Amino acid sequence: MTIRERLEELERNQLSPHASLAAESAGRARADEPDPVRTCFQRDRDRIIHLCRAFRRLAHKTQVFVYPREDHLRTRLSHTLEVSQIGRTISKALRLNEDLTEAMALGHDVGHTPFGHAGEWALDQAYRRYDPEAGFGHALHSVRVLETLERDGQGLNLTRETLSGIASHPKGTRDTQSALLPEATETLEGMVIRISDRIAYLCHDLDDCLRSKLLRLSDLPAAVVQALGERHSDRVGTMVEDVIASSEGKPHLAMSDDVTAAMDELKDFLFERIYLGPPLVRAREQVFGVIEGLFDVYMTNDDEYLRHIGSVPGFPQMRARAVCDYVAGMTDRFARRAWMDAKLPSGFPEF
């Protein structure tokens, strides 16, 4: 018996009846020879960490603040690690498959744009101008990155379970209960990532806003502070422990009404005061200008398209798809440089 087979046997004996078992995975698009040491979900995790260039670029993509000067504010990569930690804690407590949960968490944002959610909204708008039938959402684009774009078009050939969990994690302005709908995911681990993503962003975005003095604790609704706590660690702990206590032994996740209501009130507060609020208005306008400007350059200037993306495709929709992929993959600083190169004089003559 190999080490992998022993691990698979441990899963059968120790995990919850509601957990996803590696030995029962639906498999990959292309069959792989089983690894002697790692389960299929461990291999998914390792491929994202070791082979995925988009994963490494998350260190230079914004979470909330556009191109922040403060070194301690979250990036898309630190957000990903916090989602992973929260997800693993919940999965371990509920005896779910930690390896699958971790793989989903590490891959869930690899398709995110530069400049945070403002960049996502801008890219969706720019893409639709050239292909009204298309659109951009970072969850499905994360699957596209992992299946189609990485490794020069080969993709990482991940399991169906990992890809399904990554595809099902978008949040937006919907209430917390939407993250707990059983029909939203194929696996309970996928549901863990949906709620872990929400817990992570609510807690760390608030923490960053408090740190940067955009908010004070006294600005928060009193019911939120009372239900979730005054400190960052208290808020994370309250939400995580509530998920575990409400979900143990069930075939789905649940949360108490009090904590769910407080999370939704905090989410609405952050959207009103920060994400769509006055402090980031100018930054959002600048982000839309950069993203739409780059999209227009690559769609209308054949020389720029050839220099940066490749041979010009015959159909406008194919060109728009390639431009969307290219812009979505940029880091914040790369997008800034690309925009300046395209829009500002570089000096002449060039040597």
Protein backbone atom coordinates (compact mmCIF):
# COMPACT_ATOMS: atom_id res chain seq x y z
CA MET A 1 0.00 0.00 0.00
CA THR A 2 1.40 3.41 -0.98
CA ILE A 3 1.44 6.46 1.30
CA ARG A 4 -1.32 7.97 -0.83
CA GLU A 5 -3.47 4.90 -0.38
CA ARG A 6 -2.94 5.03 3.38
CA LEU A 7 -4.01 8.69 3.39
CA GLU A 8 -7.10 7.82 1.38
CA GLU A 9 -7.93 5.08 3.87
CA LEU A 10 -7.52 7.57 6.75
CA GLU A 11 -9.98 9.88 5.02
CA ARG A 12 -12.55 7.08 4.75
CA ASN A 13 -12.20 6.23 8.44
CA GLN A 14 -11.89 9.67 9.99
CA LEU A 15 -13.73 12.25 7.88
CA SER A 16 -17.40 13.16 8.14
CA PRO A 17 -19.91 11.24 5.99
CA HIS A 18 -20.52 14.63 4.32
CA ALA A 19 -16.85 15.18 3.37
CA SER A 20 -15.39 14.80 -0.11
CA LEU A 21 -13.02 11.83 -0.32
CA ALA A 22 -9.98 12.02 -2.57
CA ALA A 23 -10.39 8.37 -3.56
CA GLU A 24 -13.88 9.19 -4.87
CA SER A 25 -12.94 12.29 -6.84
CA ALA A 26 -14.64 12.83 -10.20
CA GLY A 27 -11.14 13.16 -11.61
CA ARG A 28 -9.43 15.48 -14.08
CA ALA A 29 -10.09 16.45 -17.67
CA ARG A 30 -6.92 14.52 -18.57
CA ALA A 31 -6.16 11.39 -16.60
CA ASP A 32 -2.96 11.49 -14.51
CA GLU A 33 -0.99 8.61 -13.07
CA PRO A 34 -1.75 8.60 -9.31
CA ASP A 35 0.98 10.04 -7.11
CA PRO A 36 2.61 7.58 -4.68
CA VAL A 37 2.56 10.11 -1.80
CA ARG A 38 -0.09 12.77 -2.37
CA THR A 39 -3.84 12.52 -2.83
CA CYS A 40 -5.40 14.19 -5.88
CA PHE A 41 -6.50 17.21 -3.82
CA GLN A 42 -3.00 17.62 -2.36
CA ARG A 43 -1.65 17.65 -5.91
CA ASP A 44 -4.15 20.37 -6.85
CA ARG A 45 -2.93 22.50 -3.96
CA ASP A 46 0.71 21.94 -4.88
CA ARG A 47 0.17 22.73 -8.55
CA ILE A 48 -1.40 26.07 -7.68
CA ILE A 49 1.46 26.98 -5.34
CA HIS A 50 4.37 25.73 -7.45
CA LEU A 51 3.21 26.06 -11.06
CA CYS A 52 0.66 28.86 -11.19
CA ARG A 53 2.18 32.20 -12.19
CA ALA A 54 -1.15 33.95 -11.64
CA PHE A 55 -1.01 32.84 -7.99
CA ARG A 56 2.36 34.54 -7.52
CA ARG A 57 1.10 37.75 -9.12
CA LEU A 58 -1.54 38.09 -6.40
CA ALA A 59 1.15 39.60 -4.19
CA HIS A 60 0.99 42.72 -6.39
CA LYS A 61 -2.77 43.00 -6.83
CA THR A 62 -4.91 45.29 -4.70
CA GLN A 63 -7.48 44.06 -2.21
CA VAL A 64 -9.31 47.34 -1.44
CA PHE A 65 -6.86 50.22 -1.64
CA VAL A 66 -5.48 51.07 -5.08
CA TYR A 67 -1.68 51.02 -5.16
CA PRO A 68 -1.35 51.67 -1.40
CA ARG A 69 1.74 53.32 0.05
CA GLU A 70 1.20 51.53 3.36
CA ASP A 71 3.10 48.24 3.37
CA HIS A 72 0.85 46.47 5.88
CA LEU A 73 -2.48 46.69 4.06
CA ARG A 74 -3.79 43.47 2.54
CA THR A 75 -3.03 42.37 -0.97
CA ARG A 76 -4.95 39.81 -2.97
CA LEU A 77 -2.37 37.20 -1.88
CA SER A 78 -2.67 37.91 1.84
CA HIS A 79 -6.46 37.78 1.43
CA THR A 80 -6.08 34.37 -0.22
CA LEU A 81 -3.97 33.08 2.68
CA GLU A 82 -6.52 34.34 5.21
CA VAL A 83 -9.34 32.59 3.33
CA SER A 84 -7.24 29.42 3.34
CA GLN A 85 -6.60 29.60 7.08
CA ILE A 86 -10.26 30.24 7.92
CA GLY A 87 -11.40 27.50 5.55
CA ARG A 88 -9.00 24.94 6.98
CA THR A 89 -10.07 25.76 10.53
CA ILE A 90 -13.74 25.22 9.67
CA SER A 91 -13.01 22.08 7.66
CA LYS A 92 -10.88 20.52 10.39
CA ALA A 93 -13.53 21.20 13.02
CA LEU A 94 -16.30 19.71 10.85
CA ARG A 95 -14.10 16.77 9.71
CA LEU A 96 -14.22 17.83 6.07
CA ASN A 97 -11.41 17.49 3.54
CA GLU A 98 -8.80 20.11 4.46
CA ASP A 99 -6.69 19.44 1.36
CA LEU A 100 -9.60 20.13 -0.99
CA THR A 101 -10.58 23.22 1.00
CA GLU A 102 -7.03 24.55 0.84
CA ALA A 103 -6.73 23.95 -2.91
CA MET A 104 -9.99 25.84 -3.53
CA ALA A 105 -8.90 28.70 -1.29
CA LEU A 106 -5.49 29.12 -2.92
CA GLY A 107 -7.00 29.16 -6.41
CA HIS A 108 -10.18 31.13 -5.79
CA ASP A 109 -8.80 34.58 -6.78
CA VAL A 110 -6.13 33.78 -9.38
CA GLY A 111 -8.39 35.30 -12.03
CA HIS A 112 -8.78 38.62 -10.25
CA THR A 113 -7.96 41.85 -12.04
CA PRO A 114 -5.53 44.57 -11.02
CA PHE A 115 -6.95 47.32 -8.78
CA GLY A 116 -9.36 45.16 -6.78
CA HIS A 117 -13.10 45.16 -7.37
CA ALA A 118 -12.95 48.51 -9.15
CA GLY A 119 -10.71 46.83 -11.72
CA GLU A 120 -13.17 43.95 -12.06
CA TRP A 121 -16.11 46.30 -12.64
CA ALA A 122 -14.07 48.33 -15.14
CA LEU A 123 -12.92 45.28 -17.09
CA ASP A 124 -16.45 43.90 -17.27
CA GLN A 125 -17.67 47.22 -18.70
CA ALA A 126 -14.81 47.53 -21.19
CA TYR A 127 -15.21 43.94 -22.40
CA ARG A 128 -18.96 44.34 -22.96
CA ARG A 129 -18.40 47.39 -25.15
CA TYR A 130 -16.62 45.19 -27.68
CA ASP A 131 -18.64 42.01 -27.12
CA PRO A 132 -22.09 42.66 -25.62
CA GLU A 133 -22.67 38.91 -25.19
CA ALA A 134 -19.57 38.56 -23.01
CA GLY A 135 -18.69 39.81 -19.57
CA PHE A 136 -16.09 39.41 -16.85
CA GLY A 137 -16.35 37.85 -13.40
CA HIS A 138 -13.24 36.90 -11.46
CA ALA A 139 -14.56 33.56 -10.17
CA LEU A 140 -15.18 32.05 -13.60
CA HIS A 141 -12.03 33.70 -14.91
CA SER A 142 -10.07 31.97 -12.13
CA VAL A 143 -11.28 28.66 -13.58
CA ARG A 144 -10.28 29.84 -17.07
CA VAL A 145 -6.80 30.72 -15.80
CA LEU A 146 -6.35 27.32 -14.19
CA GLU A 147 -7.91 25.28 -17.00
CA THR A 148 -6.83 27.15 -20.12
CA LEU A 149 -4.31 29.98 -19.68
CA GLU A 150 -1.64 28.67 -17.32
CA ARG A 151 1.41 26.77 -18.61
CA ASP A 152 1.12 28.25 -22.13
CA GLY A 153 -2.40 26.99 -22.66
CA GLN A 154 -2.06 23.56 -21.06
CA GLY A 155 -3.67 24.55 -17.79
CA LEU A 156 -2.98 22.82 -14.48
CA ASN A 157 -5.40 19.93 -15.04
CA LEU A 158 -7.02 20.20 -11.60
CA THR A 159 -9.79 17.98 -10.28
CA ARG A 160 -13.42 18.75 -10.97
CA GLU A 161 -14.06 19.32 -7.24
CA THR A 162 -11.40 22.01 -6.93
CA LEU A 163 -12.52 23.83 -10.07
CA SER A 164 -16.17 23.64 -9.04
CA GLY A 165 -15.44 25.18 -5.64
CA ILE A 166 -13.45 28.00 -7.23
CA ALA A 167 -16.22 28.73 -9.74
CA SER A 168 -18.90 28.98 -7.06
CA HIS A 169 -17.38 31.55 -4.70
CA PRO A 170 -18.52 35.03 -5.93
CA LYS A 171 -20.09 37.27 -3.29
CA GLY A 172 -20.92 40.82 -4.41
CA THR A 173 -23.62 42.64 -2.45
CA ARG A 174 -25.70 39.55 -1.73
CA ASP A 175 -26.50 38.72 1.88
CA THR A 176 -24.60 36.09 3.85
CA GLN A 177 -27.39 33.54 3.52
CA SER A 178 -26.60 33.30 -0.21
CA ALA A 179 -23.18 31.88 0.68
CA LEU A 180 -24.87 29.10 2.65
CA LEU A 181 -27.26 27.84 -0.02
CA PRO A 182 -26.63 24.08 -0.45
CA GLU A 183 -27.40 24.17 -4.17
CA ALA A 184 -24.69 26.76 -4.80
CA THR A 185 -21.85 24.22 -4.65
CA GLU A 186 -21.16 20.57 -5.45
CA THR A 187 -19.27 19.93 -2.20
CA LEU A 188 -19.47 21.00 1.40
CA GLU A 189 -15.85 22.13 1.12
CA GLY A 190 -16.94 24.50 -1.66
CA MET A 191 -19.51 25.98 0.69
CA VAL A 192 -16.78 26.40 3.32
CA ILE A 193 -14.80 28.53 0.86
CA ARG A 194 -17.85 30.66 0.07
CA ILE A 195 -18.36 31.58 3.71
CA SER A 196 -14.63 31.77 4.50
CA ASP A 197 -14.14 34.28 1.69
CA ARG A 198 -16.88 36.46 3.16
CA ILE A 199 -15.57 36.19 6.71
CA ALA A 200 -12.06 37.07 5.55
CA TYR A 201 -12.93 40.11 3.48
CA LEU A 202 -15.37 41.57 6.02
CA CYS A 203 -12.85 41.28 8.83
CA HIS A 204 -9.64 42.29 7.09
CA ASP A 205 -11.15 45.07 4.97
CA LEU A 206 -12.55 46.63 8.14
CA ASP A 207 -9.18 46.15 9.85
CA ASP A 208 -7.39 47.90 6.95
CA CYS A 209 -9.90 50.77 7.02
CA LEU A 210 -9.37 51.22 10.75
CA ARG A 211 -5.61 51.07 10.32
CA SER A 212 -5.62 53.64 7.53
CA LYS A 213 -7.92 55.97 9.54
CA LEU A 214 -10.69 55.85 6.94
CA LEU A 215 -12.92 54.56 9.73
CA ARG A 216 -12.98 54.66 13.50
CA LEU A 217 -14.44 51.93 15.67
CA SER A 218 -17.08 54.42 16.84
CA ASP A 219 -18.30 54.73 13.22
CA LEU A 220 -19.48 51.12 13.16
CA PRO A 221 -23.11 50.27 13.84
CA ALA A 222 -23.45 49.47 17.54
CA ALA A 223 -25.19 46.16 16.79
CA VAL A 224 -22.18 45.00 14.73
CA VAL A 225 -19.70 45.73 17.51
CA GLN A 226 -21.95 44.12 20.10
CA ALA A 227 -22.46 40.94 18.07
CA LEU A 228 -19.00 40.51 16.55
CA GLY A 229 -16.58 42.22 18.94
CA GLU A 230 -14.26 45.21 19.05
CA ARG A 231 -11.02 43.56 17.91
CA HIS A 232 -10.11 41.93 14.60
CA SER A 233 -9.39 38.58 16.27
CA ASP A 234 -12.71 38.71 18.13
CA ARG A 235 -14.63 39.29 14.91
CA VAL A 236 -12.92 36.44 13.04
CA GLY A 237 -13.32 34.10 16.00
CA THR A 238 -16.99 34.92 16.46
CA MET A 239 -17.87 34.23 12.83
CA VAL A 240 -15.77 31.06 12.52
CA GLU A 241 -17.00 29.56 15.78
CA ASP A 242 -20.59 30.37 14.86
CA VAL A 243 -20.26 28.49 11.54
CA ILE A 244 -18.80 25.47 13.33
CA ALA A 245 -21.35 25.41 16.16
CA SER A 246 -24.29 25.87 13.77
CA SER A 247 -23.08 23.32 11.19
CA GLU A 248 -21.70 20.36 13.14
CA GLY A 249 -23.19 17.08 11.98
CA LYS A 250 -25.24 18.66 9.21
CA PRO A 251 -24.97 18.04 5.45
CA HIS A 252 -24.82 21.80 4.87
CA LEU A 253 -23.42 24.90 6.56
CA ALA A 254 -25.45 27.18 8.79
CA MET A 255 -25.01 30.26 10.97
CA SER A 256 -27.05 31.80 13.78
CA ASP A 257 -29.49 34.58 12.95
CA ASP A 258 -27.70 37.09 15.19
CA VAL A 259 -24.26 36.65 13.63
CA THR A 260 -25.66 36.48 10.10
CA ALA A 261 -27.54 39.74 10.63
CA ALA A 262 -24.43 41.44 12.02
CA MET A 263 -22.32 40.26 9.05
CA ASP A 264 -24.88 41.60 6.60
CA GLU A 265 -25.05 44.93 8.41
CA LEU A 266 -21.24 45.18 8.34
CA LYS A 267 -21.19 44.27 4.65
CA ASP A 268 -23.77 46.93 3.79
CA PHE A 269 -21.87 49.47 5.89
CA LEU A 270 -18.58 48.77 4.07
CA PHE A 271 -20.21 49.01 0.65
CA GLU A 272 -21.84 52.31 1.51
CA ARG A 273 -18.92 53.93 3.31
CA ILE A 274 -15.89 52.40 1.56
CA TYR A 275 -16.31 50.22 -1.55
CA LEU A 276 -18.82 52.58 -3.20
CA GLY A 277 -18.30 55.51 -0.86
CA PRO A 278 -16.56 58.90 -1.07
CA PRO A 279 -13.06 57.85 0.10
CA LEU A 280 -12.41 55.77 -3.04
CA VAL A 281 -14.37 57.76 -5.64
CA ARG A 282 -11.33 59.32 -7.31
CA ALA A 283 -9.39 56.04 -7.23
CA ARG A 284 -12.32 54.22 -8.88
CA GLU A 285 -12.52 56.86 -11.62
CA GLN A 286 -8.78 56.52 -12.26
CA VAL A 287 -9.03 52.72 -12.35
CA PHE A 288 -11.83 52.87 -14.93
CA GLY A 289 -9.71 55.25 -17.00
CA VAL A 290 -6.68 52.93 -16.94
CA ILE A 291 -8.56 49.69 -17.65
CA GLU A 292 -10.79 51.12 -20.37
CA GLY A 293 -7.84 52.98 -21.89
CA LEU A 294 -5.73 49.83 -22.10
CA PHE A 295 -8.60 47.81 -23.54
CA ASP A 296 -9.15 50.43 -26.25
CA VAL A 297 -5.45 50.56 -27.13
CA TYR A 298 -5.16 46.80 -27.61
CA MET A 299 -8.45 46.60 -29.53
CA THR A 300 -7.70 49.45 -31.96
CA ASN A 301 -3.92 49.49 -32.35
CA ASP A 302 -2.60 46.42 -34.17
CA ASP A 303 1.03 47.25 -33.40
CA GLU A 304 0.37 47.40 -29.65
CA TYR A 305 -1.68 44.19 -29.82
CA LEU A 306 1.08 42.37 -31.70
CA ARG A 307 3.78 43.66 -29.36
CA HIS A 308 2.02 42.66 -26.15
CA ILE A 309 -0.45 39.86 -26.89
CA GLY A 310 0.27 38.05 -30.14
CA SER A 311 -0.98 37.65 -33.67
CA VAL A 312 -4.17 39.57 -34.40
CA PRO A 313 -7.18 37.17 -34.54
CA GLY A 314 -9.68 37.47 -37.35
CA PHE A 315 -12.84 38.02 -35.31
CA PRO A 316 -13.41 41.03 -32.99
CA GLN A 317 -14.86 38.75 -30.29
CA MET A 318 -11.69 36.61 -30.30
CA ARG A 319 -9.56 39.73 -30.05
CA ALA A 320 -11.66 41.07 -27.17
CA ARG A 321 -11.32 37.72 -25.37
CA ALA A 322 -7.53 37.82 -25.71
CA VAL A 323 -7.37 41.46 -24.55
CA CYS A 324 -9.57 40.65 -21.55
CA ASP A 325 -7.29 37.75 -20.57
CA TYR A 326 -4.20 39.94 -20.90
CA VAL A 327 -5.52 42.89 -18.90
CA ALA A 328 -7.02 40.65 -16.19
CA GLY A 329 -3.60 39.06 -15.65
CA MET A 330 -1.83 42.35 -14.99
CA THR A 331 -0.66 43.39 -11.55
CA ASP A 332 -1.37 46.92 -10.36
CA ARG A 333 2.11 48.18 -11.14
CA PHE A 334 2.25 46.44 -14.53
CA ALA A 335 -1.09 48.01 -15.51
CA ARG A 336 0.17 51.45 -14.48
CA ARG A 337 3.34 51.04 -16.56
CA ALA A 338 1.41 49.67 -19.54
CA TRP A 339 -0.99 52.62 -19.45
CA MET A 340 1.85 55.14 -19.23
CA ASP A 341 3.73 53.43 -22.08
CA ALA A 342 0.60 53.52 -24.25
CA LYS A 343 -0.56 57.04 -23.37
CA LEU A 344 2.54 59.10 -22.60
CA PRO A 345 5.47 59.99 -24.86
CA SER A 346 8.46 57.74 -24.29
CA GLY A 347 11.05 60.09 -25.74
CA PHE A 348 12.48 60.22 -29.22
CA PRO A 349 14.66 59.02 -30.70
CA GLU A 350 14.78 55.69 -28.88
CA PHE A 351 18.13 53.95 -28.59
